[in-house]
Amino acid sequence: MSWQDFIDEGLLEGGIVREAAIFGIEGGIWAQSAGCNISEDEQRAIVDGLNDPPLREIRVGARRYRCTMSSLDMILSKSAEADKTRGGCIIKKTHQAVIVAEYPPKSSEMDVLAGVDQLGNHLVRNGY
């Protein structure tokens, strides 16, 4: 399975995730959905925040999210913008990668979390 398949088939296929990406802890996008543009500065800020929680806010593709929970390997957040087309964003860190999944308000945060966590655990089991 390619990195892009993890995005397309692992996260986007069910329709509960709107945009997603996987990038390396050292930086660099490994795969992403159309419209998901996480800058290098945003990648660094996410990794720094995961390494030194708690976080109050993150930016993903220039969109602001208010963190509701952050730890050394997971960030749960809700849209901090007036635009109500964004529900939230869930981020999971593995040994070598970071998974980012943005979801619409109609999606269940717990369903998105389950999918992101499953993918993250699969990557960890396979050395990533």
N, C-alpha and C. Protein backbone atom coordinates (compact mmCIF):
# COMPACT_ATOMS: atom_id res chain seq x y z
N MET A 1 0.85 -1.17 0.00
CA MET A 1 0.00 0.00 0.00
C MET A 1 0.90 1.24 0.00
N SER A 2 0.59 2.18 -0.86
CA SER A 2 1.39 3.41 -0.92
C SER A 2 0.93 4.39 0.16
N TRP A 3 1.74 5.41 0.41
CA TRP A 3 1.35 6.44 1.38
C TRP A 3 0.04 7.10 0.96
N GLN A 4 -0.11 7.34 -0.34
CA GLN A 4 -1.33 7.98 -0.83
C GLN A 4 -2.55 7.08 -0.60
N ASP A 5 -2.36 5.76 -0.71
CA ASP A 5 -3.45 4.83 -0.43
C ASP A 5 -3.91 4.92 1.02
N PHE A 6 -2.98 5.14 1.95
CA PHE A 6 -3.36 5.30 3.35
C PHE A 6 -4.29 6.50 3.51
N ILE A 7 -4.04 7.56 2.76
CA ILE A 7 -4.90 8.75 2.80
C ILE A 7 -6.23 8.45 2.11
N ASP A 8 -6.15 8.02 0.85
CA ASP A 8 -7.36 7.84 0.05
C ASP A 8 -8.27 6.73 0.56
N GLU A 9 -7.69 5.57 0.85
CA GLU A 9 -8.48 4.42 1.26
C GLU A 9 -8.63 4.30 2.77
N GLY A 10 -7.62 4.74 3.50
CA GLY A 10 -7.66 4.59 4.95
C GLY A 10 -8.42 5.68 5.67
N LEU A 11 -8.39 6.90 5.13
CA LEU A 11 -9.02 8.01 5.84
C LEU A 11 -10.18 8.67 5.09
N LEU A 12 -10.02 8.88 3.80
CA LEU A 12 -11.03 9.64 3.05
C LEU A 12 -12.20 8.80 2.56
N GLU A 13 -11.97 7.54 2.33
CA GLU A 13 -12.96 6.69 1.66
C GLU A 13 -14.33 6.65 2.34
N GLY A 14 -14.37 6.66 3.66
CA GLY A 14 -15.64 6.58 4.36
C GLY A 14 -16.43 7.88 4.38
N GLY A 15 -15.79 8.98 4.00
CA GLY A 15 -16.48 10.26 3.94
C GLY A 15 -16.53 11.04 5.24
N ILE A 16 -15.98 10.50 6.33
CA ILE A 16 -16.02 11.25 7.59
C ILE A 16 -14.85 12.22 7.72
N VAL A 17 -13.80 12.01 6.92
CA VAL A 17 -12.65 12.91 6.91
C VAL A 17 -12.68 13.70 5.61
N ARG A 18 -12.52 15.02 5.71
CA ARG A 18 -12.58 15.89 4.54
C ARG A 18 -11.20 16.02 3.87
N GLU A 19 -10.18 16.25 4.67
CA GLU A 19 -8.82 16.40 4.15
C GLU A 19 -7.87 15.69 5.09
N ALA A 20 -6.77 15.16 4.53
CA ALA A 20 -5.83 14.42 5.36
C ALA A 20 -4.43 14.49 4.76
N ALA A 21 -3.45 14.27 5.63
CA ALA A 21 -2.05 14.25 5.19
C ALA A 21 -1.24 13.38 6.13
N ILE A 22 -0.14 12.88 5.61
CA ILE A 22 0.88 12.23 6.42
C ILE A 22 2.19 12.94 6.08
N PHE A 23 2.88 13.41 7.12
CA PHE A 23 4.19 14.01 6.90
C PHE A 23 5.20 13.44 7.88
N GLY A 24 6.48 13.56 7.52
CA GLY A 24 7.53 13.03 8.36
C GLY A 24 7.80 13.92 9.56
N ILE A 25 8.21 13.32 10.66
CA ILE A 25 8.53 14.09 11.86
C ILE A 25 9.66 15.08 11.58
N GLU A 26 10.54 14.73 10.67
CA GLU A 26 11.62 15.64 10.28
C GLU A 26 11.17 16.62 9.21
N GLY A 27 9.89 16.55 8.82
CA GLY A 27 9.35 17.44 7.80
C GLY A 27 9.18 16.73 6.48
N GLY A 28 8.42 17.34 5.61
CA GLY A 28 8.19 16.78 4.28
C GLY A 28 6.91 15.98 4.20
N ILE A 29 6.05 16.35 3.27
CA ILE A 29 4.78 15.65 3.07
C ILE A 29 5.05 14.30 2.39
N TRP A 30 4.49 13.23 2.97
CA TRP A 30 4.59 11.90 2.38
C TRP A 30 3.39 11.64 1.47
N ALA A 31 2.23 12.14 1.87
CA ALA A 31 1.00 11.99 1.07
C ALA A 31 -0.01 12.99 1.61
N GLN A 32 -0.92 13.43 0.73
CA GLN A 32 -1.96 14.35 1.18
C GLN A 32 -3.13 14.32 0.21
N SER A 33 -4.28 14.71 0.71
CA SER A 33 -5.46 14.81 -0.14
C SER A 33 -5.43 16.16 -0.85
N ALA A 34 -6.20 16.26 -1.92
CA ALA A 34 -6.32 17.53 -2.64
C ALA A 34 -6.87 18.57 -1.68
N GLY A 35 -6.28 19.73 -1.67
CA GLY A 35 -6.75 20.81 -0.80
C GLY A 35 -6.14 20.83 0.58
N CYS A 36 -5.38 19.83 0.92
CA CYS A 36 -4.71 19.80 2.23
C CYS A 36 -3.28 20.28 2.03
N ASN A 37 -3.04 21.51 2.40
CA ASN A 37 -1.72 22.12 2.19
C ASN A 37 -1.15 22.58 3.51
N ILE A 38 -0.37 21.73 4.14
CA ILE A 38 0.23 22.04 5.43
C ILE A 38 1.64 22.58 5.17
N SER A 39 1.86 23.81 5.56
CA SER A 39 3.16 24.45 5.30
C SER A 39 4.26 23.83 6.17
N GLU A 40 5.50 24.08 5.79
CA GLU A 40 6.62 23.58 6.59
C GLU A 40 6.59 24.17 7.99
N ASP A 41 6.23 25.44 8.12
CA ASP A 41 6.14 26.06 9.45
C ASP A 41 5.05 25.39 10.28
N GLU A 42 3.92 25.08 9.66
CA GLU A 42 2.84 24.40 10.37
C GLU A 42 3.28 22.99 10.79
N GLN A 43 3.99 22.29 9.91
CA GLN A 43 4.49 20.96 10.25
C GLN A 43 5.40 21.03 11.48
N ARG A 44 6.34 22.00 11.47
CA ARG A 44 7.26 22.15 12.61
C ARG A 44 6.51 22.49 13.89
N ALA A 45 5.53 23.38 13.79
CA ALA A 45 4.76 23.78 14.97
C ALA A 45 3.97 22.61 15.55
N ILE A 46 3.42 21.77 14.68
CA ILE A 46 2.69 20.59 15.14
C ILE A 46 3.62 19.63 15.86
N VAL A 47 4.77 19.34 15.26
CA VAL A 47 5.73 18.41 15.89
C VAL A 47 6.24 18.99 17.21
N ASP A 48 6.57 20.28 17.22
CA ASP A 48 7.03 20.93 18.46
C ASP A 48 5.96 20.84 19.54
N GLY A 49 4.70 21.06 19.16
CA GLY A 49 3.60 20.98 20.12
C GLY A 49 3.39 19.58 20.66
N LEU A 50 3.55 18.58 19.80
CA LEU A 50 3.43 17.19 20.25
C LEU A 50 4.56 16.83 21.20
N ASN A 51 5.74 17.41 20.98
CA ASN A 51 6.89 17.13 21.84
C ASN A 51 6.82 17.86 23.17
N ASP A 52 6.00 18.92 23.25
CA ASP A 52 5.93 19.74 24.46
C ASP A 52 4.49 20.18 24.72
N PRO A 53 3.57 19.22 25.04
CA PRO A 53 2.18 19.60 25.29
C PRO A 53 2.06 20.32 26.62
N PRO A 54 0.98 20.97 26.91
CA PRO A 54 -0.24 21.05 26.11
C PRO A 54 -0.21 22.22 25.12
N LEU A 55 -0.97 22.08 24.08
CA LEU A 55 -1.13 23.12 23.07
C LEU A 55 -2.45 23.83 23.27
N ARG A 56 -2.50 25.08 22.88
CA ARG A 56 -3.77 25.82 22.94
C ARG A 56 -4.39 25.94 21.55
N GLU A 57 -3.54 26.06 20.54
CA GLU A 57 -4.03 26.29 19.18
C GLU A 57 -3.04 25.71 18.18
N ILE A 58 -3.56 25.24 17.05
CA ILE A 58 -2.72 24.80 15.94
C ILE A 58 -3.27 25.41 14.66
N ARG A 59 -2.44 25.39 13.65
CA ARG A 59 -2.86 25.82 12.30
C ARG A 59 -2.56 24.67 11.34
N VAL A 60 -3.54 24.41 10.49
CA VAL A 60 -3.41 23.37 9.47
C VAL A 60 -3.93 23.99 8.18
N GLY A 61 -3.05 24.16 7.20
CA GLY A 61 -3.47 24.78 5.94
C GLY A 61 -4.01 26.18 6.15
N ALA A 62 -3.41 26.93 7.05
CA ALA A 62 -3.80 28.31 7.41
C ALA A 62 -5.14 28.38 8.13
N ARG A 63 -5.70 27.24 8.52
CA ARG A 63 -6.95 27.22 9.29
C ARG A 63 -6.60 27.03 10.77
N ARG A 64 -7.27 27.79 11.62
CA ARG A 64 -7.00 27.74 13.05
C ARG A 64 -7.90 26.71 13.74
N TYR A 65 -7.29 25.96 14.64
CA TYR A 65 -8.02 25.00 15.45
C TYR A 65 -7.65 25.19 16.92
N ARG A 66 -8.66 25.16 17.77
CA ARG A 66 -8.48 25.26 19.22
C ARG A 66 -8.32 23.85 19.77
N CYS A 67 -7.23 23.61 20.46
CA CYS A 67 -6.95 22.27 20.98
C CYS A 67 -7.82 21.97 22.20
N THR A 68 -8.47 20.83 22.15
CA THR A 68 -9.28 20.38 23.27
C THR A 68 -8.54 19.33 24.09
N MET A 69 -7.52 18.71 23.49
CA MET A 69 -6.68 17.74 24.17
C MET A 69 -5.38 17.61 23.40
N SER A 70 -4.26 17.60 24.12
CA SER A 70 -2.99 17.34 23.45
C SER A 70 -2.10 16.53 24.39
N SER A 71 -1.36 15.61 23.79
CA SER A 71 -0.44 14.76 24.54
C SER A 71 0.81 14.58 23.69
N LEU A 72 1.66 13.67 24.09
CA LEU A 72 2.90 13.44 23.34
C LEU A 72 2.67 12.76 22.00
N ASP A 73 1.48 12.19 21.76
CA ASP A 73 1.25 11.52 20.48
C ASP A 73 -0.09 11.85 19.83
N MET A 74 -0.91 12.73 20.44
CA MET A 74 -2.24 12.98 19.89
C MET A 74 -2.67 14.42 20.18
N ILE A 75 -3.36 15.01 19.19
CA ILE A 75 -3.99 16.31 19.37
C ILE A 75 -5.42 16.19 18.87
N LEU A 76 -6.37 16.60 19.70
CA LEU A 76 -7.76 16.73 19.30
C LEU A 76 -8.08 18.21 19.30
N SER A 77 -8.75 18.70 18.25
CA SER A 77 -9.03 20.14 18.18
C SER A 77 -10.33 20.41 17.44
N LYS A 78 -10.88 21.57 17.70
CA LYS A 78 -12.11 22.04 17.07
C LYS A 78 -11.81 23.32 16.31
N SER A 79 -12.57 23.59 15.26
CA SER A 79 -12.37 24.79 14.47
C SER A 79 -12.48 26.03 15.36
N ALA A 80 -11.54 26.96 15.19
CA ALA A 80 -11.56 28.21 15.95
C ALA A 80 -12.01 29.37 15.08
N GLU A 81 -12.54 29.07 13.91
CA GLU A 81 -12.93 30.10 12.96
C GLU A 81 -14.44 30.23 12.90
N ALA A 82 -14.88 31.41 12.48
CA ALA A 82 -16.33 31.67 12.35
C ALA A 82 -16.96 30.80 11.27
N ASP A 83 -16.17 30.42 10.27
CA ASP A 83 -16.65 29.55 9.20
C ASP A 83 -17.00 28.19 9.79
N LYS A 84 -18.24 27.82 9.79
CA LYS A 84 -18.69 26.58 10.42
C LYS A 84 -18.66 25.37 9.48
N THR A 85 -17.89 25.46 8.38
CA THR A 85 -17.77 24.31 7.49
C THR A 85 -16.68 23.36 7.97
N ARG A 86 -15.93 23.75 8.96
CA ARG A 86 -14.87 22.91 9.53
C ARG A 86 -15.31 22.43 10.90
N GLY A 87 -15.21 21.15 11.13
CA GLY A 87 -15.57 20.61 12.43
C GLY A 87 -14.38 20.59 13.36
N GLY A 88 -13.35 19.87 12.94
CA GLY A 88 -12.18 19.76 13.79
C GLY A 88 -11.03 19.08 13.06
N CYS A 89 -9.99 18.81 13.83
CA CYS A 89 -8.79 18.20 13.28
C CYS A 89 -8.22 17.26 14.34
N ILE A 90 -7.84 16.07 13.90
CA ILE A 90 -7.20 15.11 14.79
C ILE A 90 -5.83 14.79 14.22
N ILE A 91 -4.84 14.82 15.09
CA ILE A 91 -3.45 14.60 14.69
C ILE A 91 -2.87 13.50 15.56
N LYS A 92 -2.16 12.57 14.93
CA LYS A 92 -1.50 11.48 15.66
C LYS A 92 -0.05 11.37 15.20
N LYS A 93 0.84 11.25 16.17
CA LYS A 93 2.27 11.08 15.89
C LYS A 93 2.65 9.62 16.08
N THR A 94 3.43 9.10 15.14
CA THR A 94 4.00 7.76 15.26
C THR A 94 5.51 7.94 15.46
N HIS A 95 6.28 6.87 15.32
CA HIS A 95 7.73 6.98 15.50
C HIS A 95 8.36 7.92 14.47
N GLN A 96 7.87 7.88 13.23
CA GLN A 96 8.50 8.63 12.15
C GLN A 96 7.57 9.59 11.43
N ALA A 97 6.29 9.54 11.70
CA ALA A 97 5.33 10.30 10.90
C ALA A 97 4.28 10.98 11.77
N VAL A 98 3.57 11.92 11.13
CA VAL A 98 2.43 12.59 11.75
C VAL A 98 1.26 12.46 10.79
N ILE A 99 0.12 12.01 11.31
CA ILE A 99 -1.12 11.88 10.53
C ILE A 99 -2.03 13.04 10.92
N VAL A 100 -2.56 13.73 9.92
CA VAL A 100 -3.47 14.85 10.14
C VAL A 100 -4.78 14.55 9.42
N ALA A 101 -5.89 14.67 10.13
CA ALA A 101 -7.21 14.44 9.52
C ALA A 101 -8.14 15.58 9.92
N GLU A 102 -8.60 16.34 8.93
CA GLU A 102 -9.58 17.40 9.15
C GLU A 102 -10.95 16.85 8.80
N TYR A 103 -11.94 17.16 9.63
CA TYR A 103 -13.27 16.60 9.40
C TYR A 103 -14.34 17.68 9.49
N PRO A 104 -15.47 17.46 8.79
CA PRO A 104 -16.57 18.43 8.80
C PRO A 104 -17.40 18.31 10.07
N PRO A 105 -18.23 19.32 10.36
CA PRO A 105 -19.05 19.29 11.57
C PRO A 105 -19.98 18.09 11.68
N LYS A 106 -20.42 17.54 10.55
CA LYS A 106 -21.36 16.41 10.59
C LYS A 106 -20.70 15.10 11.03
N SER A 107 -19.38 15.04 10.98
CA SER A 107 -18.67 13.82 11.36
C SER A 107 -18.50 13.72 12.87
N SER A 108 -18.53 12.50 13.35
CA SER A 108 -18.31 12.24 14.77
C SER A 108 -16.81 12.27 15.07
N GLU A 109 -16.42 13.08 16.05
CA GLU A 109 -15.01 13.14 16.44
C GLU A 109 -14.50 11.76 16.84
N MET A 110 -15.32 10.97 17.49
CA MET A 110 -14.90 9.64 17.94
C MET A 110 -14.67 8.70 16.75
N ASP A 111 -15.49 8.81 15.70
CA ASP A 111 -15.28 7.99 14.51
C ASP A 111 -13.98 8.37 13.81
N VAL A 112 -13.72 9.67 13.70
CA VAL A 112 -12.48 10.14 13.07
C VAL A 112 -11.29 9.68 13.91
N LEU A 113 -11.39 9.85 15.22
CA LEU A 113 -10.33 9.43 16.13
C LEU A 113 -10.03 7.95 15.96
N ALA A 114 -11.06 7.13 15.86
CA ALA A 114 -10.86 5.68 15.70
C ALA A 114 -10.09 5.37 14.42
N GLY A 115 -10.45 6.04 13.31
CA GLY A 115 -9.76 5.81 12.05
C GLY A 115 -8.31 6.26 12.07
N VAL A 116 -8.07 7.43 12.64
CA VAL A 116 -6.71 7.97 12.72
C VAL A 116 -5.87 7.09 13.63
N ASP A 117 -6.44 6.70 14.77
CA ASP A 117 -5.71 5.86 15.71
C ASP A 117 -5.38 4.49 15.10
N GLN A 118 -6.32 3.93 14.36
CA GLN A 118 -6.09 2.63 13.70
C GLN A 118 -4.94 2.74 12.70
N LEU A 119 -4.95 3.79 11.88
CA LEU A 119 -3.87 3.99 10.92
C LEU A 119 -2.54 4.21 11.64
N GLY A 120 -2.56 5.03 12.68
CA GLY A 120 -1.33 5.28 13.43
C GLY A 120 -0.76 4.01 14.04
N ASN A 121 -1.62 3.20 14.61
CA ASN A 121 -1.17 1.93 15.20
C ASN A 121 -0.61 1.00 14.14
N HIS A 122 -1.22 0.98 12.96
CA HIS A 122 -0.70 0.16 11.86
C HIS A 122 0.71 0.63 11.47
N LEU A 123 0.91 1.94 11.37
CA LEU A 123 2.23 2.46 11.01
C LEU A 123 3.25 2.10 12.08
N VAL A 124 2.90 2.23 13.34
CA VAL A 124 3.82 1.90 14.43
C VAL A 124 4.20 0.42 14.37
N ARG A 125 3.21 -0.46 14.16
CA ARG A 125 3.50 -1.90 14.07
C ARG A 125 4.43 -2.22 12.92
N ASN A 126 4.44 -1.37 11.90
CA ASN A 126 5.29 -1.61 10.75
C ASN A 126 6.55 -0.74 10.74
N GLY A 127 6.91 -0.22 11.90
CA GLY A 127 8.17 0.48 12.05
C GLY A 127 8.17 1.95 11.71
N TYR A 128 7.01 2.51 11.46
CA TYR A 128 6.93 3.93 11.13
C TYR A 128 6.37 4.70 12.31
